[in-house]
N, C-alpha and C. Protein backbone atom coordinates (compact mmCIF):
# COMPACT_ATOMS: atom_id res chain seq x y z
N UNK A 1 96.21 166.51 90.79
CA UNK A 1 95.37 166.23 91.95
C UNK A 1 94.53 164.99 91.69
N UNK A 2 94.43 164.18 92.71
CA UNK A 2 93.54 163.03 92.67
C UNK A 2 92.43 163.31 93.67
N UNK A 3 91.19 162.96 93.33
CA UNK A 3 90.06 163.19 94.24
C UNK A 3 89.35 161.87 94.51
N UNK A 4 89.14 161.61 95.81
CA UNK A 4 88.30 160.49 96.22
C UNK A 4 87.05 161.10 96.86
N UNK A 5 85.92 160.50 96.61
CA UNK A 5 84.66 161.01 97.14
C UNK A 5 84.12 160.03 98.17
N UNK A 6 83.72 160.57 99.32
CA UNK A 6 83.15 159.78 100.40
C UNK A 6 81.77 160.32 100.75
N UNK A 7 80.96 159.48 101.37
CA UNK A 7 79.68 159.91 101.93
C UNK A 7 79.84 159.96 103.44
N UNK A 8 79.33 161.04 104.02
CA UNK A 8 79.35 161.16 105.47
C UNK A 8 78.03 161.75 105.93
N UNK A 9 77.24 160.92 106.58
CA UNK A 9 75.97 161.37 107.17
C UNK A 9 75.07 162.04 106.15
N UNK A 10 75.04 161.48 104.93
CA UNK A 10 74.17 161.97 103.87
C UNK A 10 74.79 163.05 103.00
N UNK A 11 76.03 163.42 103.26
CA UNK A 11 76.69 164.48 102.49
C UNK A 11 77.91 163.92 101.77
N UNK A 12 78.26 164.57 100.64
CA UNK A 12 79.47 164.22 99.93
C UNK A 12 80.65 164.98 100.53
N UNK A 13 81.75 164.26 100.71
CA UNK A 13 82.99 164.83 101.23
C UNK A 13 84.09 164.44 100.26
N UNK A 14 84.91 165.41 99.87
CA UNK A 14 86.02 165.15 98.96
C UNK A 14 87.32 164.99 99.74
N UNK A 15 88.14 164.07 99.27
CA UNK A 15 89.52 163.95 99.75
C UNK A 15 90.40 164.28 98.54
N UNK A 16 90.98 165.47 98.54
CA UNK A 16 91.84 165.92 97.45
C UNK A 16 93.29 165.62 97.82
N UNK A 17 93.97 164.90 96.94
CA UNK A 17 95.32 164.41 97.20
C UNK A 17 96.28 165.02 96.18
N UNK A 18 97.34 165.66 96.67
CA UNK A 18 98.33 166.33 95.82
C UNK A 18 99.70 165.72 96.08
N UNK A 19 100.50 165.62 95.04
CA UNK A 19 101.89 165.16 95.17
C UNK A 19 102.78 166.37 95.47
N UNK A 20 103.86 166.12 96.19
CA UNK A 20 104.82 167.17 96.50
C UNK A 20 105.24 167.91 95.23
N UNK A 21 105.19 169.24 95.28
CA UNK A 21 105.62 170.14 94.20
C UNK A 21 104.71 170.08 92.96
N UNK A 22 103.57 169.43 93.07
CA UNK A 22 102.62 169.37 91.94
C UNK A 22 102.11 170.78 91.63
N UNK A 23 102.10 171.20 90.37
CA UNK A 23 101.52 172.51 90.03
C UNK A 23 100.01 172.50 90.29
N UNK A 24 99.50 173.57 90.88
CA UNK A 24 98.06 173.63 91.16
C UNK A 24 97.59 175.07 91.03
N UNK A 25 96.70 175.31 90.07
CA UNK A 25 96.19 176.66 89.75
C UNK A 25 94.67 176.63 89.59
N UNK A 26 93.92 176.39 90.66
CA UNK A 26 92.46 176.32 90.55
C UNK A 26 91.83 177.71 90.43
N UNK A 27 90.65 177.74 89.83
CA UNK A 27 89.85 178.97 89.78
C UNK A 27 88.79 178.87 90.88
N UNK A 28 88.83 179.82 91.80
CA UNK A 28 87.88 179.84 92.91
C UNK A 28 86.75 180.81 92.60
N UNK A 29 85.53 180.35 92.75
CA UNK A 29 84.36 181.20 92.54
C UNK A 29 84.19 182.13 93.75
N UNK A 30 83.57 183.28 93.50
CA UNK A 30 83.25 184.20 94.60
C UNK A 30 82.22 183.55 95.52
N UNK A 31 82.28 183.88 96.80
CA UNK A 31 81.33 183.39 97.80
C UNK A 31 81.28 181.86 97.87
N UNK A 32 82.41 181.25 97.77
CA UNK A 32 82.50 179.79 97.82
C UNK A 32 82.12 179.28 99.19
N UNK A 33 81.26 178.27 99.23
CA UNK A 33 80.81 177.70 100.50
C UNK A 33 81.39 176.30 100.63
N UNK A 34 82.56 176.24 101.27
CA UNK A 34 83.28 174.99 101.48
C UNK A 34 83.90 175.03 102.86
N UNK A 35 84.08 173.84 103.44
CA UNK A 35 84.99 173.65 104.56
C UNK A 35 86.17 172.87 104.00
N UNK A 36 87.39 173.25 104.36
CA UNK A 36 88.60 172.57 103.92
C UNK A 36 89.46 172.27 105.13
N UNK A 37 89.96 171.03 105.22
CA UNK A 37 90.78 170.61 106.36
C UNK A 37 92.04 169.94 105.83
N UNK A 38 93.18 170.53 106.14
CA UNK A 38 94.48 170.01 105.70
C UNK A 38 94.95 168.97 106.72
N UNK A 39 95.01 167.72 106.29
CA UNK A 39 95.41 166.65 107.20
C UNK A 39 96.83 166.13 106.94
N UNK A 40 97.42 166.53 105.83
CA UNK A 40 98.82 166.19 105.51
C UNK A 40 99.38 167.29 104.63
N UNK A 41 100.68 167.54 104.75
CA UNK A 41 101.35 168.48 103.86
C UNK A 41 100.86 169.90 104.03
N UNK A 42 101.10 170.70 102.99
CA UNK A 42 100.68 172.11 103.05
C UNK A 42 100.66 172.73 101.66
N UNK A 43 99.98 173.89 101.61
CA UNK A 43 99.99 174.77 100.44
C UNK A 43 100.52 176.11 100.92
N UNK A 44 101.58 176.58 100.27
CA UNK A 44 102.21 177.83 100.68
C UNK A 44 102.35 178.75 99.47
N UNK A 45 102.73 180.00 99.74
CA UNK A 45 102.90 180.99 98.67
C UNK A 45 101.66 181.09 97.81
N UNK A 46 100.49 181.10 98.46
CA UNK A 46 99.21 181.15 97.77
C UNK A 46 98.95 182.59 97.32
N UNK A 47 98.71 182.77 96.02
CA UNK A 47 98.53 184.12 95.47
C UNK A 47 97.40 184.12 94.46
N UNK A 48 96.46 185.09 94.58
CA UNK A 48 95.44 185.30 93.55
C UNK A 48 96.15 185.95 92.37
N UNK A 49 96.19 185.26 91.25
CA UNK A 49 97.05 185.67 90.15
C UNK A 49 96.63 187.01 89.52
N UNK A 50 95.34 187.29 89.42
CA UNK A 50 94.89 188.51 88.75
C UNK A 50 95.14 189.77 89.57
N UNK A 51 95.19 189.63 90.91
CA UNK A 51 95.34 190.80 91.78
C UNK A 51 96.65 190.81 92.55
N UNK A 52 97.37 189.70 92.51
CA UNK A 52 98.60 189.53 93.29
C UNK A 52 98.34 189.52 94.80
N UNK A 53 97.09 189.30 95.20
CA UNK A 53 96.74 189.23 96.63
C UNK A 53 97.38 187.99 97.24
N UNK A 54 98.16 188.19 98.28
CA UNK A 54 98.79 187.08 98.99
C UNK A 54 97.79 186.48 99.98
N UNK A 55 97.65 185.17 99.95
CA UNK A 55 96.78 184.46 100.87
C UNK A 55 97.64 183.76 101.92
N UNK A 56 97.06 183.38 103.04
CA UNK A 56 97.85 182.71 104.08
C UNK A 56 98.38 181.37 103.59
N UNK A 57 99.46 180.91 104.23
CA UNK A 57 99.91 179.54 104.03
C UNK A 57 98.93 178.63 104.76
N UNK A 58 98.74 177.42 104.22
CA UNK A 58 97.83 176.46 104.83
C UNK A 58 98.60 175.19 105.16
N UNK A 59 99.16 175.10 106.38
CA UNK A 59 99.88 173.89 106.79
C UNK A 59 98.92 172.82 107.30
N UNK A 60 99.48 171.64 107.59
CA UNK A 60 98.69 170.57 108.20
C UNK A 60 97.95 171.13 109.41
N UNK A 61 96.68 170.79 109.51
CA UNK A 61 95.85 171.25 110.62
C UNK A 61 95.02 172.48 110.30
N UNK A 62 95.27 173.12 109.16
CA UNK A 62 94.48 174.31 108.79
C UNK A 62 93.03 173.91 108.54
N UNK A 63 92.13 174.72 109.08
CA UNK A 63 90.68 174.55 108.91
C UNK A 63 90.18 175.82 108.24
N UNK A 64 89.71 175.70 107.03
CA UNK A 64 89.29 176.87 106.26
C UNK A 64 87.77 176.83 106.11
N UNK A 65 87.12 177.92 106.49
CA UNK A 65 85.66 178.02 106.45
C UNK A 65 85.25 179.00 105.35
N UNK A 66 83.96 179.06 105.04
CA UNK A 66 83.52 180.04 104.05
C UNK A 66 83.92 181.48 104.41
N UNK A 67 84.03 181.79 105.70
CA UNK A 67 84.45 183.13 106.12
C UNK A 67 85.88 183.45 105.69
N UNK A 68 86.68 182.40 105.47
CA UNK A 68 88.07 182.58 105.03
C UNK A 68 88.19 182.68 103.52
N UNK A 69 87.14 182.29 102.81
CA UNK A 69 87.18 182.23 101.35
C UNK A 69 86.61 183.51 100.75
N UNK A 70 87.24 184.63 101.06
CA UNK A 70 86.75 185.94 100.62
C UNK A 70 87.36 186.37 99.30
N UNK A 71 88.18 185.55 98.70
CA UNK A 71 88.86 185.87 97.44
C UNK A 71 88.20 185.09 96.30
N UNK A 72 88.47 185.49 95.08
CA UNK A 72 88.03 184.73 93.92
C UNK A 72 89.06 184.89 92.82
N UNK A 73 89.01 183.99 91.86
CA UNK A 73 89.93 184.02 90.75
C UNK A 73 90.86 182.83 90.78
N UNK A 74 91.78 182.79 89.83
CA UNK A 74 92.76 181.72 89.74
C UNK A 74 93.87 181.96 90.77
N UNK A 75 94.17 180.91 91.52
CA UNK A 75 95.16 181.01 92.59
C UNK A 75 96.32 180.07 92.28
N UNK A 76 97.53 180.59 92.49
CA UNK A 76 98.74 179.79 92.38
C UNK A 76 99.08 179.25 93.76
N UNK A 77 99.20 177.93 93.85
CA UNK A 77 99.55 177.27 95.11
C UNK A 77 100.88 176.53 94.93
N UNK A 78 101.71 176.52 95.96
CA UNK A 78 102.90 175.68 95.98
C UNK A 78 102.62 174.55 96.95
N UNK A 79 102.63 173.32 96.45
CA UNK A 79 102.37 172.14 97.26
C UNK A 79 103.68 171.70 97.91
N UNK A 80 103.66 171.56 99.25
CA UNK A 80 104.87 171.16 99.98
C UNK A 80 104.57 169.83 100.67
N UNK A 81 105.26 168.79 100.25
CA UNK A 81 105.01 167.45 100.78
C UNK A 81 103.75 166.88 100.17
N UNK A 82 103.61 165.57 100.23
CA UNK A 82 102.36 164.97 99.79
C UNK A 82 101.27 165.55 100.69
N UNK A 83 100.24 166.11 100.07
CA UNK A 83 99.25 166.92 100.78
C UNK A 83 97.86 166.35 100.58
N UNK A 84 97.08 166.33 101.67
CA UNK A 84 95.68 165.92 101.59
C UNK A 84 94.80 167.00 102.20
N UNK A 85 93.75 167.31 101.46
CA UNK A 85 92.77 168.30 101.91
C UNK A 85 91.39 167.65 101.82
N UNK A 86 90.71 167.63 102.96
CA UNK A 86 89.35 167.10 103.01
C UNK A 86 88.39 168.28 102.89
N UNK A 87 87.39 168.14 102.04
CA UNK A 87 86.50 169.26 101.72
C UNK A 87 85.04 168.85 101.83
N UNK A 88 84.24 169.73 102.40
CA UNK A 88 82.79 169.59 102.38
C UNK A 88 82.29 170.76 101.54
N UNK A 89 81.90 170.50 100.29
CA UNK A 89 81.48 171.57 99.38
C UNK A 89 79.96 171.67 99.26
N UNK A 90 79.44 172.86 99.43
CA UNK A 90 78.00 173.06 99.27
C UNK A 90 77.57 172.68 97.86
N UNK A 91 78.37 173.03 96.86
CA UNK A 91 77.98 172.79 95.47
C UNK A 91 77.78 171.30 95.16
N UNK A 92 78.38 170.41 95.91
CA UNK A 92 78.19 168.97 95.71
C UNK A 92 77.06 168.42 96.58
N UNK A 93 76.48 169.28 97.41
CA UNK A 93 75.44 168.87 98.35
C UNK A 93 74.18 169.72 98.19
N UNK A 94 73.72 169.82 96.94
CA UNK A 94 72.51 170.59 96.62
C UNK A 94 72.59 172.02 97.13
N UNK A 95 73.79 172.62 97.02
CA UNK A 95 74.04 173.99 97.47
C UNK A 95 73.73 174.20 98.95
N UNK A 96 73.87 173.14 99.72
CA UNK A 96 73.67 173.22 101.17
C UNK A 96 74.99 172.87 101.86
N UNK A 97 75.38 173.69 102.80
CA UNK A 97 76.59 173.44 103.57
C UNK A 97 76.19 173.08 105.00
N UNK A 98 76.41 171.80 105.38
CA UNK A 98 76.06 171.41 106.75
C UNK A 98 76.96 172.11 107.76
N UNK A 99 76.51 172.16 109.01
CA UNK A 99 77.35 172.71 110.08
C UNK A 99 78.45 171.70 110.39
N UNK A 100 79.69 172.14 110.26
CA UNK A 100 80.84 171.27 110.50
C UNK A 100 81.87 172.00 111.35
N UNK A 101 82.68 171.21 112.04
CA UNK A 101 83.79 171.73 112.84
C UNK A 101 85.01 170.85 112.60
N UNK A 102 86.16 171.44 112.81
CA UNK A 102 87.41 170.69 112.80
C UNK A 102 87.44 169.79 114.03
N UNK A 103 87.87 168.53 113.85
CA UNK A 103 88.07 167.64 114.98
C UNK A 103 89.50 167.12 114.90
N UNK A 104 90.24 167.24 116.00
CA UNK A 104 91.62 166.80 116.07
C UNK A 104 91.88 166.19 117.43
N UNK A 105 92.59 165.06 117.44
CA UNK A 105 92.98 164.43 118.69
C UNK A 105 94.45 164.05 118.56
N UNK A 106 95.30 164.65 119.40
CA UNK A 106 96.75 164.42 119.33
C UNK A 106 97.11 163.01 119.76
N UNK A 107 98.17 162.49 119.17
CA UNK A 107 98.66 161.16 119.50
C UNK A 107 98.84 161.01 121.01
N UNK A 108 98.33 159.90 121.55
CA UNK A 108 98.44 159.63 122.98
C UNK A 108 97.32 160.23 123.81
N UNK A 109 96.47 161.03 123.19
CA UNK A 109 95.36 161.67 123.92
C UNK A 109 94.09 160.84 123.80
N UNK A 110 93.21 161.05 124.78
CA UNK A 110 91.90 160.40 124.76
C UNK A 110 90.83 161.47 124.89
N UNK A 111 89.64 161.14 124.41
CA UNK A 111 88.50 162.05 124.50
C UNK A 111 87.24 161.20 124.61
N UNK A 112 86.31 161.64 125.45
CA UNK A 112 85.03 160.97 125.53
C UNK A 112 84.05 161.69 124.62
N UNK A 113 83.52 160.92 123.66
CA UNK A 113 82.56 161.47 122.69
C UNK A 113 81.15 161.13 123.17
N UNK A 114 80.28 162.14 123.30
CA UNK A 114 78.93 161.88 123.76
C UNK A 114 78.07 161.22 122.68
N UNK A 115 77.01 160.56 123.12
CA UNK A 115 76.03 159.97 122.20
C UNK A 115 75.57 161.06 121.22
N UNK A 116 75.49 160.68 119.97
CA UNK A 116 75.05 161.61 118.93
C UNK A 116 76.20 162.25 118.17
N UNK A 117 77.43 162.10 118.64
CA UNK A 117 78.59 162.66 117.94
C UNK A 117 78.72 162.00 116.58
N UNK A 118 78.94 162.83 115.55
CA UNK A 118 79.13 162.33 114.18
C UNK A 118 80.42 162.94 113.63
N UNK A 119 81.38 162.07 113.34
CA UNK A 119 82.67 162.51 112.82
C UNK A 119 82.99 161.74 111.55
N UNK A 120 83.37 162.45 110.51
CA UNK A 120 83.98 161.82 109.35
C UNK A 120 85.45 161.70 109.70
N UNK A 121 85.87 160.47 110.06
CA UNK A 121 87.27 160.23 110.42
C UNK A 121 88.08 160.25 109.13
N UNK A 122 89.06 161.14 109.06
CA UNK A 122 89.83 161.35 107.84
C UNK A 122 91.18 160.67 107.84
N UNK A 123 91.95 160.84 108.93
CA UNK A 123 93.32 160.35 108.91
C UNK A 123 93.82 160.11 110.33
N UNK A 124 94.73 159.14 110.48
CA UNK A 124 95.34 158.85 111.76
C UNK A 124 95.11 157.40 112.14
N UNK A 125 95.25 157.11 113.42
CA UNK A 125 95.00 155.79 113.98
C UNK A 125 94.27 156.00 115.30
N UNK A 126 93.03 155.53 115.35
CA UNK A 126 92.15 155.80 116.49
C UNK A 126 91.62 154.50 117.07
N UNK A 127 91.77 154.33 118.39
CA UNK A 127 91.22 153.17 119.08
C UNK A 127 89.82 153.51 119.58
N UNK A 128 88.86 152.68 119.14
CA UNK A 128 87.45 152.86 119.50
C UNK A 128 86.89 151.50 119.91
N UNK A 129 86.48 151.36 121.15
CA UNK A 129 85.87 150.12 121.63
C UNK A 129 86.69 148.88 121.26
N UNK A 130 87.99 148.93 121.47
CA UNK A 130 88.83 147.78 121.21
C UNK A 130 89.21 147.56 119.75
N UNK A 131 88.74 148.42 118.86
CA UNK A 131 89.10 148.32 117.45
C UNK A 131 89.93 149.53 117.07
N UNK A 132 90.84 149.34 116.11
CA UNK A 132 91.66 150.44 115.63
C UNK A 132 91.17 150.85 114.25
N UNK A 133 90.90 152.13 114.11
CA UNK A 133 90.45 152.69 112.83
C UNK A 133 91.62 153.44 112.20
N UNK A 134 91.94 153.10 110.95
CA UNK A 134 93.02 153.80 110.24
C UNK A 134 92.57 154.28 108.87
N UNK A 135 91.42 153.85 108.42
CA UNK A 135 90.91 154.27 107.11
C UNK A 135 89.78 155.28 107.28
N UNK A 136 89.59 156.14 106.28
CA UNK A 136 88.48 157.10 106.36
C UNK A 136 87.15 156.37 106.53
N UNK A 137 86.36 156.85 107.49
CA UNK A 137 85.07 156.23 107.76
C UNK A 137 84.19 157.18 108.56
N UNK A 138 82.89 156.91 108.53
CA UNK A 138 81.96 157.62 109.38
C UNK A 138 82.02 157.02 110.78
N UNK A 139 82.07 157.88 111.77
CA UNK A 139 82.09 157.44 113.16
C UNK A 139 80.91 158.12 113.85
N UNK A 140 79.91 157.30 114.23
CA UNK A 140 78.73 157.85 114.92
C UNK A 140 78.59 157.15 116.26
N UNK A 141 78.52 157.95 117.31
CA UNK A 141 78.37 157.41 118.67
C UNK A 141 76.87 157.25 118.92
N UNK A 142 76.43 155.98 119.05
CA UNK A 142 75.00 155.69 119.06
C UNK A 142 74.39 155.43 120.44
N UNK A 143 74.98 154.49 121.20
CA UNK A 143 74.25 154.02 122.38
C UNK A 143 74.78 154.53 123.72
N UNK A 144 76.07 154.82 123.81
CA UNK A 144 76.61 155.34 125.07
C UNK A 144 77.84 156.17 124.78
N UNK A 145 78.12 157.11 125.68
CA UNK A 145 79.33 157.91 125.52
C UNK A 145 80.51 156.96 125.33
N UNK A 146 81.44 157.33 124.45
CA UNK A 146 82.53 156.44 124.09
C UNK A 146 83.86 157.18 124.19
N UNK A 147 84.81 156.57 124.89
CA UNK A 147 86.15 157.15 124.97
C UNK A 147 86.98 156.59 123.83
N UNK A 148 87.61 157.50 123.08
CA UNK A 148 88.48 157.14 121.97
C UNK A 148 89.90 157.59 122.32
N UNK A 149 90.89 156.86 121.80
CA UNK A 149 92.29 157.18 122.06
C UNK A 149 93.04 157.24 120.74
N UNK A 150 93.83 158.29 120.57
CA UNK A 150 94.62 158.48 119.35
C UNK A 150 95.95 157.76 119.48
N UNK A 151 96.18 156.78 118.61
CA UNK A 151 97.47 156.11 118.52
C UNK A 151 98.46 156.97 117.74
N UNK A 152 97.93 157.75 116.81
CA UNK A 152 98.65 158.76 116.04
C UNK A 152 97.77 160.00 116.04
N UNK A 153 98.31 161.14 115.60
CA UNK A 153 97.45 162.31 115.44
C UNK A 153 96.26 161.93 114.56
N UNK A 154 95.06 162.32 115.00
CA UNK A 154 93.83 161.97 114.30
C UNK A 154 93.10 163.24 113.84
N UNK A 155 92.63 163.18 112.62
CA UNK A 155 91.93 164.30 112.00
C UNK A 155 90.55 163.85 111.56
N UNK A 156 89.56 164.69 111.80
CA UNK A 156 88.20 164.39 111.35
C UNK A 156 87.39 165.65 111.19
N UNK A 157 86.27 165.49 110.53
CA UNK A 157 85.31 166.58 110.37
C UNK A 157 84.08 166.22 111.18
N UNK A 158 83.77 167.06 112.15
CA UNK A 158 82.64 166.83 113.05
C UNK A 158 81.40 167.49 112.46
N UNK A 159 80.35 166.72 112.29
CA UNK A 159 79.07 167.24 111.83
C UNK A 159 78.24 167.58 113.05
N UNK A 160 77.85 168.85 113.20
CA UNK A 160 77.15 169.30 114.40
C UNK A 160 75.72 169.71 114.12
């Protein structure tokens, strides 16, 4: 796994990048406070090794909240395709987990974002005020409602 760290609206956000079929056996702490958003690839056949508890598959588009992280221990994951998971971890943010939501805009769709909207743009191609965004960046709507259009499927984490 490769990890890139970004700042979004005063918080640390991780971009965890996995290669297809890469072995991955992390130890998850109990009561983990993270948001996880799968923007590419997937993790399947997820199993808590000590209990054999089967966990759901996490394909592209999966949004995992602390309410979903009810397991603990070492987990065996099967990585399918080059996979990216964006994470907002409380432990990297002074044990504080900001309010976040999954944000997705399908290719060819448009959405008007109201003033005050804050999105950590993670992946895709998004047209905003005549500019195209393709790299991870903070997107904050400051002065007027703004219509954005997805040139490709777009993934982001909305800070609410």
